Amino acid sequence: MVKIKLVRHGAKRAPFYKVIATDSRYAGDGKALERLGFYNPSARGQEVKLNLNVEAIEAWVAKGAQVSERVSKLLKENSKAAATPAA
């Protein structure tokens, strides 16, 4: 089964997460089938906090992939940010 989830990268006290599609049989930080974006919770200033390839995620979900709880929250956050115009 394919899962879309976050994988932690970055230094101590400086988390950085990649959003990946992976086979559930692989280890938590194992081989990724495709990188679908990133999430940087400690972004400051002009740094990008969230970048998702929504089309690729929707394609994986159409093929039967399961989205983790946190990634689904990030998708909702991304859609709200896209709906509000940047001032």
C-alpha atoms as a PDB file:
ATOM      1  CA  MET A   1       0.000   0.000   0.000  1.00  0.00           C
ATOM      2  CA  VAL A   2       1.250   3.480  -0.870  1.00  0.00           C
ATOM      3  CA  LYS A   3       1.188   6.175   1.808  1.00  0.00           C
ATOM      4  CA  ILE A   4       1.745   9.897   1.494  1.00  0.00           C
ATOM      5  CA  LYS A   5       3.523  11.101   4.600  1.00  0.00           C
ATOM      6  CA  LEU A   6       6.105  13.452   6.099  1.00  0.00           C
ATOM      7  CA  VAL A   7       9.745  12.461   6.563  1.00  0.00           C
ATOM      8  CA  ARG A   8      11.865  14.568   8.905  1.00  0.00           C
ATOM      9  CA  HIS A   9      15.125  16.100   7.736  1.00  0.00           C
ATOM     10  CA  GLY A  10      17.160  19.007   9.046  1.00  0.00           C
ATOM     11  CA  ALA A  11      19.313  19.630  12.062  1.00  0.00           C
ATOM     12  CA  LYS A  12      18.527  19.372  15.733  1.00  0.00           C
ATOM     13  CA  ARG A  13      15.937  22.011  16.715  1.00  0.00           C
ATOM     14  CA  ALA A  14      15.602  22.990  13.040  1.00  0.00           C
ATOM     15  CA  PRO A  15      13.048  20.589  11.560  1.00  0.00           C
ATOM     16  CA  PHE A  16      12.404  20.335   7.837  1.00  0.00           C
ATOM     17  CA  TYR A  17       9.974  17.814   6.404  1.00  0.00           C
ATOM     18  CA  LYS A  18       9.664  16.304   2.949  1.00  0.00           C
ATOM     19  CA  VAL A  19       6.262  15.120   1.746  1.00  0.00           C
ATOM     20  CA  ILE A  20       6.763  11.795  -0.013  1.00  0.00           C
ATOM     21  CA  ALA A  21       4.848   8.890  -1.488  1.00  0.00           C
ATOM     22  CA  THR A  22       6.270   5.620  -0.216  1.00  0.00           C
ATOM     23  CA  ASP A  23       5.397   1.968   0.078  1.00  0.00           C
ATOM     24  CA  SER A  24       4.207   1.204   3.614  1.00  0.00           C
ATOM     25  CA  ARG A  25       6.534  -1.819   3.726  1.00  0.00           C
ATOM     26  CA  TYR A  26       9.641   0.393   3.616  1.00  0.00           C
ATOM     27  CA  ALA A  27      11.245   1.799   6.740  1.00  0.00           C
ATOM     28  CA  GLY A  28      10.063   5.200   7.987  1.00  0.00           C
ATOM     29  CA  ASP A  29      12.974   7.023   6.389  1.00  0.00           C
ATOM     30  CA  GLY A  30      13.385   4.544   3.566  1.00  0.00           C
ATOM     31  CA  LYS A  31      13.041   4.721  -0.170  1.00  0.00           C
ATOM     32  CA  ALA A  32      10.526   7.218  -1.579  1.00  0.00           C
ATOM     33  CA  LEU A  33       8.553   6.558  -4.747  1.00  0.00           C
ATOM     34  CA  GLU A  34       8.161  10.292  -5.396  1.00  0.00           C
ATOM     35  CA  ARG A  35       8.875  13.563  -3.597  1.00  0.00           C
ATOM     36  CA  LEU A  36       5.696  15.627  -3.493  1.00  0.00           C
ATOM     37  CA  GLY A  37       6.767  18.765  -1.677  1.00  0.00           C
ATOM     38  CA  PHE A  38       8.111  20.086   1.599  1.00  0.00           C
ATOM     39  CA  TYR A  39       7.041  21.685   4.878  1.00  0.00           C
ATOM     40  CA  ASN A  40       9.280  24.062   6.831  1.00  0.00           C
ATOM     41  CA  PRO A  41       7.589  24.843  10.184  1.00  0.00           C
ATOM     42  CA  SER A  42      10.396  27.191  11.255  1.00  0.00           C
ATOM     43  CA  ALA A  43      10.246  29.412   8.142  1.00  0.00           C
ATOM     44  CA  ARG A  44      10.811  33.101   8.811  1.00  0.00           C
ATOM     45  CA  GLY A  45      10.425  36.192   6.697  1.00  0.00           C
ATOM     46  CA  GLN A  46      10.264  35.503   2.977  1.00  0.00           C
ATOM     47  CA  GLU A  47      11.083  31.780   3.309  1.00  0.00           C
ATOM     48  CA  VAL A  48       8.521  29.374   1.876  1.00  0.00           C
ATOM     49  CA  LYS A  49       6.748  27.467   4.639  1.00  0.00           C
ATOM     50  CA  LEU A  50       4.768  24.973   2.567  1.00  0.00           C
ATOM     51  CA  ASN A  51       5.179  23.767  -1.007  1.00  0.00           C
ATOM     52  CA  LEU A  52       3.020  20.896  -2.254  1.00  0.00           C
ATOM     53  CA  ASN A  53       2.550  19.376  -5.699  1.00  0.00           C
ATOM     54  CA  VAL A  54      -1.225  19.044  -5.345  1.00  0.00           C
ATOM     55  CA  GLU A  55      -1.724  17.510  -8.800  1.00  0.00           C
ATOM     56  CA  ALA A  56       0.728  14.702  -8.034  1.00  0.00           C
ATOM     57  CA  ILE A  57      -0.848  14.087  -4.623  1.00  0.00           C
ATOM     58  CA  GLU A  58      -4.306  13.864  -6.195  1.00  0.00           C
ATOM     59  CA  ALA A  59      -2.946  11.449  -8.807  1.00  0.00           C
ATOM     60  CA  TRP A  60      -1.543   9.182  -6.080  1.00  0.00           C
ATOM     61  CA  VAL A  61      -4.815   9.317  -4.123  1.00  0.00           C
ATOM     62  CA  ALA A  62      -6.718   8.380  -7.295  1.00  0.00           C
ATOM     63  CA  LYS A  63      -4.490   5.306  -7.549  1.00  0.00           C
ATOM     64  CA  GLY A  64      -5.390   4.313  -3.964  1.00  0.00           C
ATOM     65  CA  ALA A  65      -2.709   5.957  -1.832  1.00  0.00           C
ATOM     66  CA  GLN A  66      -3.564   6.846   1.745  1.00  0.00           C
ATOM     67  CA  VAL A  67      -2.746  10.316   3.045  1.00  0.00           C
ATOM     68  CA  SER A  68      -1.451  10.685   6.605  1.00  0.00           C
ATOM     69  CA  GLU A  69      -3.388  12.830   9.049  1.00  0.00           C
ATOM     70  CA  ARG A  70      -0.789  15.615   9.133  1.00  0.00           C
ATOM     71  CA  VAL A  71      -0.433  15.764   5.343  1.00  0.00           C
ATOM     72  CA  SER A  72      -4.217  16.061   4.983  1.00  0.00           C
ATOM     73  CA  LYS A  73      -4.135  19.039   7.384  1.00  0.00           C
ATOM     74  CA  LEU A  74      -1.330  20.586   5.329  1.00  0.00           C
ATOM     75  CA  LEU A  75      -3.373  20.108   2.140  1.00  0.00           C
ATOM     76  CA  LYS A  76      -6.279  21.987   3.723  1.00  0.00           C
ATOM     77  CA  GLU A  77      -3.912  24.732   4.871  1.00  0.00           C
ATOM     78  CA  ASN A  78      -2.452  24.951   1.368  1.00  0.00           C
ATOM     79  CA  SER A  79      -5.893  25.231  -0.245  1.00  0.00           C
ATOM     80  CA  LYS A  80      -6.894  28.008   2.188  1.00  0.00           C
ATOM     81  CA  ALA A  81      -3.683  29.901   1.440  1.00  0.00           C
ATOM     82  CA  ALA A  82      -4.294  29.552  -2.299  1.00  0.00           C
ATOM     83  CA  ALA A  83      -7.890  30.781  -1.941  1.00  0.00           C
ATOM     84  CA  THR A  84      -6.940  34.002  -0.141  1.00  0.00           C
ATOM     85  CA  PRO A  85      -5.317  36.601  -2.405  1.00  0.00           C
ATOM     86  CA  ALA A  86      -1.838  37.755  -1.434  1.00  0.00           C
ATOM     87  CA  ALA A  87      -1.902  41.398  -0.435  1.00  0.00           C
END
